[in-house]
C-alpha atoms as a PDB file:
ATOM      1  CA  MET A   1      32.583 -11.415 -15.965  1.00  0.00           C
ATOM      2  CA  SER A   2      35.067 -14.112 -17.043  1.00  0.00           C
ATOM      3  CA  GLY A   3      32.483 -15.910 -19.166  1.00  0.00           C
ATOM      4  CA  LYS A   4      30.102 -16.259 -16.256  1.00  0.00           C
ATOM      5  CA  LEU A   5      26.702 -14.613 -15.931  1.00  0.00           C
ATOM      6  CA  ALA A   6      26.467 -11.984 -13.215  1.00  0.00           C
ATOM      7  CA  ALA A   7      24.497 -13.189 -10.202  1.00  0.00           C
ATOM      8  CA  ARG A   8      21.001 -11.739  -9.813  1.00  0.00           C
ATOM      9  CA  LYS A   9      20.870  -9.255  -6.982  1.00  0.00           C
ATOM     10  CA  HIS A  10      18.542 -10.247  -4.169  1.00  0.00           C
ATOM     11  CA  ILE A  11      15.056  -8.820  -3.924  1.00  0.00           C
ATOM     12  CA  GLU A  12      14.757  -6.240  -1.136  1.00  0.00           C
ATOM     13  CA  VAL A  13      11.004  -5.542  -1.034  1.00  0.00           C
ATOM     14  CA  LEU A  14       8.483  -8.316  -1.713  1.00  0.00           C
ATOM     15  CA  VAL A  15       4.824  -7.377  -2.126  1.00  0.00           C
ATOM     16  CA  PHE A  16       2.071  -9.966  -1.806  1.00  0.00           C
ATOM     17  CA  GLY A  17      -1.129  -8.360  -3.012  1.00  0.00           C
ATOM     18  CA  SER A  18      -3.395  -6.806  -5.582  1.00  0.00           C
ATOM     19  CA  ALA A  19      -3.122  -5.362  -9.079  1.00  0.00           C
ATOM     20  CA  ILE A  20      -6.048  -3.317 -10.399  1.00  0.00           C
ATOM     21  CA  ILE A  21      -6.714  -1.075 -13.400  1.00  0.00           C
ATOM     22  CA  ASP A  22      -7.952   2.391 -12.383  1.00  0.00           C
ATOM     23  CA  PHE A  23     -10.693   4.282 -14.243  1.00  0.00           C
ATOM     24  CA  ILE A  24     -10.474   7.850 -12.941  1.00  0.00           C
ATOM     25  CA  CYS A  25     -13.058  10.611 -13.393  1.00  0.00           C
ATOM     26  CA  TYR A  26     -12.142  14.171 -12.368  1.00  0.00           C
ATOM     27  CA  THR A  27     -15.060  16.351 -11.285  1.00  0.00           C
ATOM     28  CA  PRO A  28     -15.554  19.681  -9.438  1.00  0.00           C
ATOM     29  CA  ARG A  29     -16.839  17.846  -6.354  1.00  0.00           C
ATOM     30  CA  LEU A  30     -17.771  14.309  -5.370  1.00  0.00           C
ATOM     31  CA  PRO A  31     -21.427  13.362  -6.080  1.00  0.00           C
ATOM     32  CA  LYS A  32     -24.042  12.942  -3.382  1.00  0.00           C
ATOM     33  CA  PRO A  33     -26.007   9.633  -3.282  1.00  0.00           C
ATOM     34  CA  GLY A  34     -28.195   9.377  -6.387  1.00  0.00           C
ATOM     35  CA  GLU A  35     -26.604  12.417  -8.030  1.00  0.00           C
ATOM     36  CA  THR A  36     -25.058  12.568 -11.527  1.00  0.00           C
ATOM     37  CA  LEU A  37     -22.320  15.125 -12.167  1.00  0.00           C
ATOM     38  CA  HIS A  38     -20.411  16.264 -15.231  1.00  0.00           C
ATOM     39  CA  GLY A  39     -16.725  15.483 -15.021  1.00  0.00           C
ATOM     40  CA  HIS A  40     -14.047  17.407 -16.901  1.00  0.00           C
ATOM     41  CA  ARG A  41     -11.371  14.740 -17.422  1.00  0.00           C
ATOM     42  CA  PHE A  42     -11.007  10.953 -17.597  1.00  0.00           C
ATOM     43  CA  GLN A  43      -7.949   8.737 -17.535  1.00  0.00           C
ATOM     44  CA  THR A  44      -7.009   5.133 -16.956  1.00  0.00           C
ATOM     45  CA  GLY A  45      -4.096   4.111 -14.772  1.00  0.00           C
ATOM     46  CA  TYR A  46      -2.415   1.214 -13.047  1.00  0.00           C
ATOM     47  CA  GLY A  47      -3.492   0.635  -9.456  1.00  0.00           C
ATOM     48  CA  GLY A  48      -4.295  -1.921  -6.787  1.00  0.00           C
ATOM     49  CA  LYS A  49      -2.714  -1.384  -3.395  1.00  0.00           C
ATOM     50  CA  GLY A  50      -0.184  -4.188  -3.785  1.00  0.00           C
ATOM     51  CA  ALA A  51       1.119  -3.127  -7.191  1.00  0.00           C
ATOM     52  CA  ASN A  52       1.013   0.537  -6.158  1.00  0.00           C
ATOM     53  CA  GLN A  53       3.185  -0.092  -3.119  1.00  0.00           C
ATOM     54  CA  CYS A  54       5.560  -2.254  -5.142  1.00  0.00           C
ATOM     55  CA  VAL A  55       6.010   0.416  -7.828  1.00  0.00           C
ATOM     56  CA  ALA A  56       6.415   3.123  -5.166  1.00  0.00           C
ATOM     57  CA  ALA A  57       9.264   1.152  -3.562  1.00  0.00           C
ATOM     58  CA  ALA A  58      10.831   0.447  -6.965  1.00  0.00           C
ATOM     59  CA  ARG A  59      10.767   4.133  -7.879  1.00  0.00           C
ATOM     60  CA  GLN A  60      12.622   4.905  -4.657  1.00  0.00           C
ATOM     61  CA  GLY A  61      15.348   2.502  -5.777  1.00  0.00           C
ATOM     62  CA  SER A  62      14.557  -0.825  -4.103  1.00  0.00           C
ATOM     63  CA  ARG A  63      14.770  -4.122  -5.959  1.00  0.00           C
ATOM     64  CA  THR A  64      11.157  -5.297  -5.811  1.00  0.00           C
ATOM     65  CA  ALA A  65       9.037  -8.342  -6.655  1.00  0.00           C
ATOM     66  CA  LEU A  66       5.271  -8.767  -6.779  1.00  0.00           C
ATOM     67  CA  VAL A  67       3.192 -11.900  -6.152  1.00  0.00           C
ATOM     68  CA  ALA A  68      -0.216 -11.225  -7.728  1.00  0.00           C
ATOM     69  CA  LYS A  69      -2.941 -12.372 -10.130  1.00  0.00           C
ATOM     70  CA  LEU A  70      -4.173 -10.744 -13.345  1.00  0.00           C
ATOM     71  CA  GLY A  71      -6.829 -11.723 -15.854  1.00  0.00           C
ATOM     72  CA  ALA A  72      -5.861 -13.174 -19.235  1.00  0.00           C
ATOM     73  CA  ASP A  73      -7.287 -10.078 -20.918  1.00  0.00           C
ATOM     74  CA  SER A  74      -5.885  -6.971 -22.570  1.00  0.00           C
ATOM     75  CA  PHE A  75      -5.768  -5.180 -19.216  1.00  0.00           C
ATOM     76  CA  GLY A  76      -3.670  -7.996 -17.756  1.00  0.00           C
ATOM     77  CA  ILE A  77      -1.273  -8.007 -20.704  1.00  0.00           C
ATOM     78  CA  ASP A  78      -0.799  -4.258 -20.465  1.00  0.00           C
ATOM     79  CA  TYR A  79      -0.313  -4.402 -16.692  1.00  0.00           C
ATOM     80  CA  LEU A  80       2.383  -7.060 -16.949  1.00  0.00           C
ATOM     81  CA  LYS A  81       4.303  -4.937 -19.467  1.00  0.00           C
ATOM     82  CA  HIS A  82       3.917  -1.899 -17.239  1.00  0.00           C
ATOM     83  CA  LEU A  83       5.341  -3.698 -14.184  1.00  0.00           C
ATOM     84  CA  GLN A  84       8.323  -4.879 -16.214  1.00  0.00           C
ATOM     85  CA  ALA A  85       8.896  -1.305 -17.389  1.00  0.00           C
ATOM     86  CA  GLU A  86       8.937  -0.242 -13.716  1.00  0.00           C
ATOM     87  CA  SER A  87      11.702  -2.827 -13.043  1.00  0.00           C
ATOM     88  CA  VAL A  88       9.442  -5.022 -10.893  1.00  0.00           C
ATOM     89  CA  ASP A  89      10.236  -8.761 -10.796  1.00  0.00           C
ATOM     90  CA  VAL A  90       7.075 -10.381 -12.230  1.00  0.00           C
ATOM     91  CA  GLN A  91       8.018 -14.061 -12.261  1.00  0.00           C
ATOM     92  CA  HIS A  92       5.153 -14.702  -9.806  1.00  0.00           C
ATOM     93  CA  VAL A  93       2.532 -12.436 -11.398  1.00  0.00           C
ATOM     94  CA  GLN A  94       0.161 -14.910 -13.050  1.00  0.00           C
ATOM     95  CA  GLN A  95      -2.528 -14.316 -15.678  1.00  0.00           C
ATOM     96  CA  LEU A  96      -5.631 -16.506 -15.200  1.00  0.00           C
ATOM     97  CA  GLU A  97      -7.676 -17.622 -18.202  1.00  0.00           C
ATOM     98  CA  ASP A  98     -11.046 -17.685 -16.407  1.00  0.00           C
ATOM     99  CA  GLN A  99     -10.728 -14.339 -14.586  1.00  0.00           C
ATOM    100  CA  THR A 100     -10.851 -10.638 -15.401  1.00  0.00           C
ATOM    101  CA  THR A 101      -8.210  -8.196 -14.257  1.00  0.00           C
ATOM    102  CA  GLY A 102      -9.368  -6.228 -11.203  1.00  0.00           C
ATOM    103  CA  VAL A 103     -10.746  -2.738 -11.806  1.00  0.00           C
ATOM    104  CA  ALA A 104     -11.363   0.387  -9.702  1.00  0.00           C
ATOM    105  CA  GLN A 105     -13.793   3.205 -10.383  1.00  0.00           C
ATOM    106  CA  ILE A 106     -12.358   6.398  -8.883  1.00  0.00           C
ATOM    107  CA  GLY A 107     -13.888   9.849  -8.553  1.00  0.00           C
ATOM    108  CA  VAL A 108     -11.556  12.771  -7.801  1.00  0.00           C
ATOM    109  CA  SER A 109     -12.761  16.255  -6.863  1.00  0.00           C
ATOM    110  CA  ASP A 110     -10.989  19.497  -7.733  1.00  0.00           C
ATOM    111  CA  GLY A 111     -10.050  19.698  -4.054  1.00  0.00           C
ATOM    112  CA  GLY A 112      -8.151  16.417  -4.339  1.00  0.00           C
ATOM    113  CA  GLU A 113     -10.618  14.248  -2.378  1.00  0.00           C
ATOM    114  CA  ASN A 114     -11.614  10.869  -3.808  1.00  0.00           C
ATOM    115  CA  ASN A 115     -14.033   7.953  -3.548  1.00  0.00           C
ATOM    116  CA  ILE A 116     -13.280   4.482  -4.885  1.00  0.00           C
ATOM    117  CA  ILE A 117     -15.220   1.328  -5.819  1.00  0.00           C
ATOM    118  CA  ILE A 118     -13.207  -1.808  -6.621  1.00  0.00           C
ATOM    119  CA  VAL A 119     -14.095  -5.090  -8.337  1.00  0.00           C
ATOM    120  CA  VAL A 120     -11.192  -7.379  -7.443  1.00  0.00           C
ATOM    121  CA  GLY A 121     -11.534  -9.944 -10.262  1.00  0.00           C
ATOM    122  CA  ALA A 122      -8.455 -12.180 -10.487  1.00  0.00           C
ATOM    123  CA  ASN A 123      -7.114 -10.788  -7.212  1.00  0.00           C
ATOM    124  CA  LYS A 124      -9.513 -13.021  -5.277  1.00  0.00           C
ATOM    125  CA  CYS A 125      -7.609 -16.042  -6.616  1.00  0.00           C
ATOM    126  CA  LEU A 126      -4.376 -15.305  -4.741  1.00  0.00           C
ATOM    127  CA  LYS A 127      -3.964 -18.351  -2.503  1.00  0.00           C
ATOM    128  CA  SER A 128      -1.742 -19.819   0.179  1.00  0.00           C
ATOM    129  CA  CYS A 129      -0.122 -22.108  -2.389  1.00  0.00           C
ATOM    130  CA  ASP A 130       1.255 -18.991  -4.119  1.00  0.00           C
ATOM    131  CA  VAL A 131       3.404 -18.414  -1.035  1.00  0.00           C
ATOM    132  CA  ALA A 132       5.052 -21.807  -1.426  1.00  0.00           C
ATOM    133  CA  ALA A 133       5.507 -21.221  -5.159  1.00  0.00           C
ATOM    134  CA  ALA A 134       7.416 -18.000  -4.421  1.00  0.00           C
ATOM    135  CA  ASP A 135       9.416 -19.500  -1.533  1.00  0.00           C
ATOM    136  CA  SER A 136      12.785 -18.289  -2.865  1.00  0.00           C
ATOM    137  CA  LEU A 137      11.544 -14.688  -2.793  1.00  0.00           C
ATOM    138  CA  PHE A 138      10.203 -15.105   0.744  1.00  0.00           C
ATOM    139  CA  GLN A 139      13.602 -16.398   1.821  1.00  0.00           C
ATOM    140  CA  GLU A 140      15.682 -13.596   0.306  1.00  0.00           C
ATOM    141  CA  ALA A 141      13.574 -10.425   0.681  1.00  0.00           C
ATOM    142  CA  LYS A 142      14.253  -8.006   3.530  1.00  0.00           C
ATOM    143  CA  VAL A 143      10.745  -6.539   3.753  1.00  0.00           C
ATOM    144  CA  LEU A 144       7.321  -8.063   3.016  1.00  0.00           C
ATOM    145  CA  VAL A 145       4.294  -5.854   2.330  1.00  0.00           C
ATOM    146  CA  CYS A 146       0.685  -7.119   2.482  1.00  0.00           C
ATOM    147  CA  GLN A 147      -2.757  -5.485   2.204  1.00  0.00           C
ATOM    148  CA  LEU A 148      -6.396  -6.640   2.320  1.00  0.00           C
ATOM    149  CA  GLU A 149      -7.565  -6.458  -1.312  1.00  0.00           C
ATOM    150  CA  THR A 150      -6.721 -10.165  -1.615  1.00  0.00           C
ATOM    151  CA  PRO A 151      -7.935 -13.202   0.427  1.00  0.00           C
ATOM    152  CA  ILE A 152      -7.038 -12.974   4.116  1.00  0.00           C
ATOM    153  CA  GLU A 153      -6.066 -16.662   4.363  1.00  0.00           C
ATOM    154  CA  ALA A 154      -3.318 -16.221   1.783  1.00  0.00           C
ATOM    155  CA  THR A 155      -2.093 -13.061   3.500  1.00  0.00           C
ATOM    156  CA  LEU A 156      -1.821 -14.866   6.848  1.00  0.00           C
ATOM    157  CA  THR A 157       0.143 -17.672   5.172  1.00  0.00           C
ATOM    158  CA  ALA A 158       2.516 -15.113   3.637  1.00  0.00           C
ATOM    159  CA  LEU A 159       3.112 -13.449   7.002  1.00  0.00           C
ATOM    160  CA  LYS A 160       3.780 -16.793   8.712  1.00  0.00           C
ATOM    161  CA  ALA A 161       6.279 -17.780   6.024  1.00  0.00           C
ATOM    162  CA  PHE A 162       8.287 -14.552   6.162  1.00  0.00           C
ATOM    163  CA  LYS A 163      11.103 -14.102   8.684  1.00  0.00           C
ATOM    164  CA  GLY A 164      12.094 -10.497   7.983  1.00  0.00           C
ATOM    165  CA  THR A 165      10.307  -7.204   8.623  1.00  0.00           C
ATOM    166  CA  SER A 166       6.668  -7.295   7.518  1.00  0.00           C
ATOM    167  CA  ILE A 167       4.196  -4.468   6.966  1.00  0.00           C
ATOM    168  CA  VAL A 168       0.450  -5.035   6.925  1.00  0.00           C
ATOM    169  CA  ASN A 169      -1.480  -2.151   5.420  1.00  0.00           C
ATOM    170  CA  ALA A 170      -4.959  -3.135   6.639  1.00  0.00           C
ATOM    171  CA  ALA A 171      -6.898  -1.599   3.760  1.00  0.00           C
ATOM    172  CA  PRO A 172      -9.726  -1.919   2.990  1.00  0.00           C
ATOM    173  CA  ALA A 173     -10.274  -2.076   6.749  1.00  0.00           C
ATOM    174  CA  MET A 174     -12.048  -5.008   8.407  1.00  0.00           C
ATOM    175  CA  GLU A 175     -14.489  -4.176  11.195  1.00  0.00           C
ATOM    176  CA  ASN A 176     -13.641  -7.445  12.963  1.00  0.00           C
ATOM    177  CA  THR A 177      -9.947  -7.800  12.227  1.00  0.00           C
ATOM    178  CA  PRO A 178      -8.439 -11.215  13.071  1.00  0.00           C
ATOM    179  CA  SER A 179      -6.016 -10.788  15.983  1.00  0.00           C
ATOM    180  CA  GLU A 180      -3.566 -13.024  14.125  1.00  0.00           C
ATOM    181  CA  LEU A 181      -3.288 -10.450  11.346  1.00  0.00           C
ATOM    182  CA  LEU A 182      -2.226  -7.798  13.832  1.00  0.00           C
ATOM    183  CA  SER A 183       0.175  -9.993  15.794  1.00  0.00           C
ATOM    184  CA  LEU A 184       1.956 -11.508  12.783  1.00  0.00           C
ATOM    185  CA  ALA A 185       2.914  -8.122  11.297  1.00  0.00           C
ATOM    186  CA  SER A 186       6.071  -6.367  12.419  1.00  0.00           C
ATOM    187  CA  ILE A 187       4.355  -3.071  11.537  1.00  0.00           C
ATOM    188  CA  PHE A 188       0.595  -2.572  11.318  1.00  0.00           C
ATOM    189  CA  CYS A 189      -0.268   0.536   9.307  1.00  0.00           C
ATOM    190  CA  VAL A 190      -3.685   2.123   8.706  1.00  0.00           C
ATOM    191  CA  ASN A 191      -5.049   5.590   7.971  1.00  0.00           C
ATOM    192  CA  GLU A 192      -7.374   7.521  10.265  1.00  0.00           C
ATOM    193  CA  SER A 193     -10.668   6.214   8.838  1.00  0.00           C
ATOM    194  CA  GLU A 194      -9.441   2.606   8.795  1.00  0.00           C
ATOM    195  CA  ALA A 195      -8.203   2.893  12.373  1.00  0.00           C
ATOM    196  CA  ALA A 196     -11.548   4.351  13.479  1.00  0.00           C
ATOM    197  CA  LEU A 197     -13.488   1.472  11.926  1.00  0.00           C
ATOM    198  CA  MET A 198     -11.214  -1.183  13.441  1.00  0.00           C
ATOM    199  CA  THR A 199     -11.028   0.280  16.933  1.00  0.00           C
ATOM    200  CA  LYS A 200     -14.553   1.759  17.081  1.00  0.00           C
ATOM    201  CA  VAL A 201     -13.050   5.094  18.114  1.00  0.00           C
ATOM    202  CA  PRO A 202     -15.808   7.526  16.991  1.00  0.00           C
ATOM    203  CA  ARG A 203     -13.464   9.718  14.970  1.00  0.00           C
ATOM    204  CA  ILE A 204      -9.761  10.303  14.464  1.00  0.00           C
ATOM    205  CA  GLU A 205      -9.016  13.881  13.470  1.00  0.00           C
ATOM    206  CA  THR A 206      -6.242  14.802  15.904  1.00  0.00           C
ATOM    207  CA  VAL A 207      -2.935  13.400  17.067  1.00  0.00           C
ATOM    208  CA  GLU A 208      -4.428  12.694  20.480  1.00  0.00           C
ATOM    209  CA  GLU A 209      -7.307  10.701  18.986  1.00  0.00           C
ATOM    210  CA  ALA A 210      -4.803   8.745  16.894  1.00  0.00           C
ATOM    211  CA  GLN A 211      -2.893   7.896  20.078  1.00  0.00           C
ATOM    212  CA  VAL A 212      -6.070   6.475  21.626  1.00  0.00           C
ATOM    213  CA  ALA A 213      -6.629   4.306  18.528  1.00  0.00           C
ATOM    214  CA  THR A 214      -2.969   3.227  18.534  1.00  0.00           C
ATOM    215  CA  THR A 215      -3.315   2.027  22.118  1.00  0.00           C
ATOM    216  CA  GLU A 216      -6.401   0.028  21.166  1.00  0.00           C
ATOM    217  CA  LEU A 217      -4.703  -1.585  18.136  1.00  0.00           C
ATOM    218  CA  ILE A 218      -1.823  -2.654  20.378  1.00  0.00           C
ATOM    219  CA  ARG A 219      -4.319  -4.075  22.859  1.00  0.00           C
ATOM    220  CA  MET A 220      -5.866  -5.997  19.940  1.00  0.00           C
ATOM    221  CA  GLY A 221      -2.497  -7.623  19.212  1.00  0.00           C
ATOM    222  CA  ALA A 222      -0.375  -5.275  17.086  1.00  0.00           C
ATOM    223  CA  ASN A 223       3.377  -4.974  17.728  1.00  0.00           C
ATOM    224  CA  THR A 224       4.184  -1.618  16.153  1.00  0.00           C
ATOM    225  CA  VAL A 225       1.407   0.669  14.919  1.00  0.00           C
ATOM    226  CA  ILE A 226       1.538   3.517  12.421  1.00  0.00           C
ATOM    227  CA  ILE A 227      -1.602   5.587  11.852  1.00  0.00           C
ATOM    228  CA  THR A 228      -1.269   7.962   8.920  1.00  0.00           C
ATOM    229  CA  LEU A 229      -3.095  11.270   9.233  1.00  0.00           C
ATOM    230  CA  GLY A 230      -2.698  12.890   5.816  1.00  0.00           C
ATOM    231  CA  LYS A 231      -1.379  16.442   6.148  1.00  0.00           C
ATOM    232  CA  LEU A 232      -0.839  15.898   9.895  1.00  0.00           C
ATOM    233  CA  GLY A 233       1.744  13.176   9.223  1.00  0.00           C
ATOM    234  CA  ALA A 234       1.672   9.973  11.261  1.00  0.00           C
ATOM    235  CA  VAL A 235       1.476   8.669  14.824  1.00  0.00           C
ATOM    236  CA  LEU A 236       3.584   5.717  15.979  1.00  0.00           C
ATOM    237  CA  GLY A 237       3.185   3.414  18.979  1.00  0.00           C
ATOM    238  CA  TRP A 238       4.903   0.261  20.213  1.00  0.00           C
ATOM    239  CA  LYS A 239       3.768  -2.785  22.169  1.00  0.00           C
ATOM    240  CA  SER A 240       7.219  -2.853  23.782  1.00  0.00           C
ATOM    241  CA  LYS A 241       6.833   0.754  25.005  1.00  0.00           C
ATOM    242  CA  PRO A 242       3.302   1.107  26.450  1.00  0.00           C
ATOM    243  CA  GLY A 243       2.021   4.665  26.493  1.00  0.00           C
ATOM    244  CA  VAL A 244       4.904   5.993  24.399  1.00  0.00           C
ATOM    245  CA  PHE A 245       3.970   7.679  21.110  1.00  0.00           C
ATOM    246  CA  GLU A 246       5.791   9.579  18.414  1.00  0.00           C
ATOM    247  CA  HIS A 247       4.180  12.140  16.113  1.00  0.00           C
ATOM    248  CA  VAL A 248       5.976  12.533  12.781  1.00  0.00           C
ATOM    249  CA  LYS A 249       4.910  15.670  10.943  1.00  0.00           C
ATOM    250  CA  ALA A 250       4.382  15.714   7.170  1.00  0.00           C
ATOM    251  CA  PRO A 251       5.897  18.445   4.980  1.00  0.00           C
ATOM    252  CA  PHE A 252       3.482  21.336   4.462  1.00  0.00           C
ATOM    253  CA  VAL A 253       1.743  21.299   1.071  1.00  0.00           C
ATOM    254  CA  PRO A 254      -0.293  24.437   0.243  1.00  0.00           C
ATOM    255  CA  PRO A 255      -3.947  23.512  -0.429  1.00  0.00           C
ATOM    256  CA  GLU A 256      -3.778  24.955  -3.939  1.00  0.00           C
ATOM    257  CA  LYS A 257      -1.004  22.463  -4.764  1.00  0.00           C
ATOM    258  CA  VAL A 258      -3.019  19.388  -3.711  1.00  0.00           C
ATOM    259  CA  VAL A 259      -4.097  17.858  -7.024  1.00  0.00           C
ATOM    260  CA  ASP A 260      -5.057  14.251  -6.217  1.00  0.00           C
ATOM    261  CA  THR A 261      -4.779  12.297  -2.959  1.00  0.00           C
ATOM    262  CA  THR A 262      -5.438   8.939  -4.667  1.00  0.00           C
ATOM    263  CA  GLY A 263      -2.572   6.568  -3.916  1.00  0.00           C
ATOM    264  CA  ALA A 264      -0.851   8.801  -1.363  1.00  0.00           C
ATOM    265  CA  GLY A 265      -1.166   6.080   1.281  1.00  0.00           C
ATOM    266  CA  ASP A 266       0.380   3.550  -1.087  1.00  0.00           C
ATOM    267  CA  ALA A 267       3.229   5.948  -1.871  1.00  0.00           C
ATOM    268  CA  PHE A 268       3.820   6.139   1.894  1.00  0.00           C
ATOM    269  CA  ILE A 269       3.855   2.349   2.359  1.00  0.00           C
ATOM    270  CA  GLY A 270       6.150   1.761  -0.626  1.00  0.00           C
ATOM    271  CA  ALA A 271       8.572   4.441   0.523  1.00  0.00           C
ATOM    272  CA  LEU A 272       8.481   3.069   4.087  1.00  0.00           C
ATOM    273  CA  ALA A 273       9.283  -0.438   2.826  1.00  0.00           C
ATOM    274  CA  HIS A 274      12.165   0.977   0.771  1.00  0.00           C
ATOM    275  CA  ASN A 275      13.580   2.822   3.780  1.00  0.00           C
ATOM    276  CA  LEU A 276      13.232  -0.226   6.032  1.00  0.00           C
ATOM    277  CA  ALA A 277      15.121  -2.321   3.477  1.00  0.00           C
ATOM    278  CA  ARG A 278      17.832   0.189   2.544  1.00  0.00           C
ATOM    279  CA  HIS A 279      18.322   2.372   5.625  1.00  0.00           C
ATOM    280  CA  THR A 280      18.484  -0.080   8.507  1.00  0.00           C
ATOM    281  CA  ASP A 281      20.666   2.337  10.482  1.00  0.00           C
ATOM    282  CA  LYS A 282      17.838   4.879  10.698  1.00  0.00           C
ATOM    283  CA  LYS A 283      15.227   5.068  13.457  1.00  0.00           C
ATOM    284  CA  LEU A 284      11.650   4.166  12.524  1.00  0.00           C
ATOM    285  CA  THR A 285      10.612   7.798  13.046  1.00  0.00           C
ATOM    286  CA  GLU A 286      13.198   8.872  10.447  1.00  0.00           C
ATOM    287  CA  GLN A 287      12.012   6.198   8.017  1.00  0.00           C
ATOM    288  CA  VAL A 288       8.407   7.329   8.511  1.00  0.00           C
ATOM    289  CA  ALA A 289       9.394  10.967   7.962  1.00  0.00           C
ATOM    290  CA  ALA A 290      11.004  10.025   4.647  1.00  0.00           C
ATOM    291  CA  ALA A 291       7.836   8.152   3.659  1.00  0.00           C
ATOM    292  CA  CYS A 292       5.673  11.167   4.588  1.00  0.00           C
ATOM    293  CA  ALA A 293       7.818  13.306   2.286  1.00  0.00           C
ATOM    294  CA  VAL A 294       7.218  10.931  -0.631  1.00  0.00           C
ATOM    295  CA  ALA A 295       3.457  10.873   0.030  1.00  0.00           C
ATOM    296  CA  SER A 296       3.417  14.678   0.185  1.00  0.00           C
ATOM    297  CA  GLN A 297       5.037  14.819  -3.242  1.00  0.00           C
ATOM    298  CA  SER A 298       2.535  12.342  -4.695  1.00  0.00           C
ATOM    299  CA  VAL A 299      -0.551  14.446  -3.820  1.00  0.00           C
ATOM    300  CA  GLN A 300       0.807  17.236  -5.993  1.00  0.00           C
ATOM    301  CA  MET A 301       0.503  15.117  -9.144  1.00  0.00           C
ATOM    302  CA  PRO A 302      -2.564  13.506 -10.798  1.00  0.00           C
ATOM    303  CA  GLY A 303      -3.162   9.764 -10.947  1.00  0.00           C
ATOM    304  CA  THR A 304      -2.045   6.893  -8.770  1.00  0.00           C
ATOM    305  CA  GLN A 305       1.243   5.260  -9.778  1.00  0.00           C
ATOM    306  CA  SER A 306       1.864   8.097 -12.214  1.00  0.00           C
ATOM    307  CA  SER A 307       2.080  10.449  -9.205  1.00  0.00           C
ATOM    308  CA  PHE A 308       4.762   8.463  -7.373  1.00  0.00           C
ATOM    309  CA  PRO A 309       8.088  10.334  -7.327  1.00  0.00           C
ATOM    310  CA  ARG A 310      11.371   8.785  -8.342  1.00  0.00           C
ATOM    311  CA  ALA A 311      14.365   8.981  -6.033  1.00  0.00           C
END
C-alpha cells in the first residue's frame, strides 16, 4: 500500500431503522385471547426490522451501514457488538442514556406461525437530524432501506435526502398511509396482511387479489409495488406500466421443513436490497426471485437473524 492506508470501500446498502432484542417462546400452537399455554423452548435473539434487513444484506455480501438507536443498557451493548461481528458499519448506531433498547415478545407455533408484540424503546428517538449526521452515507450508498418501526417524520426525511434506489417496507402497516411515503419510495414493499390493511381489500390470499391491492397502492401514489405472499412468492406492479403485473414464484418448501417464519420478510428485503445494489444488470423480477429464495431458506431455520443464510 506504499505506506498509505487503503481507502474504505463505499457502503452499498444503507438501512435507516430499528434495532430490537427478541424474546422468543416456542409453543405447540399460538394462544387464544386470555389463554395461557406451556411452551417448550425459549431463546433471545437480535431483531428489529431495520437491523434484520441490514444483517440479511450483509450476509449476502453487501457492504452495509445502519442508522439506528439503542439504549445505554446491557442489551444495547450486546447488540452493538453483534452488529460489528456481522460486518455492519455502526458509526451511526447511537446508545441513548435515558432510553431502553427496544424489545419484541414473539410466540412461534410448531407449524411455524408467529405473533409479535414490540416495545420500541430507543427506536422512537430516531430523528430527522440523524439523516444530516449520516449525510456521507446517504451520498455514497446505492440502496436505502426504511421501515415503520421508527418515527415516520425521520423516515420521510431520509427518503427525501437519498438519490439512489430506495425501498420502503411499510411494516407495521399504517391504516392511513401518508401518500408522500408511497411516492418517495422507488419500491414500496408489503406483505399480504399489510397490503390488505392499507388498501382496505377484504383479504389477500391469491395472486389475483394481490394484483387488485397492487393497483390500489399505485393509485395511492406508489411507483413500484411488491406484495409478498409467503409460499406463493410475490406480485409486482408498476406505475409506469398500468395493468401489467408479474408473479414471481417462491421455491417450494415442504410443510414439515417450515420451522419458523419469523423474519422471513426481513430476509427478503435484505436480499432484495443486496441484489439491487450488486446485480444492476438483472431485471427486478430476477432480483425478487433471488430474494424469495433467501426467504425460503430462512423459514427452515429457527430464530430471526440467526436464520438468515449466508451467500
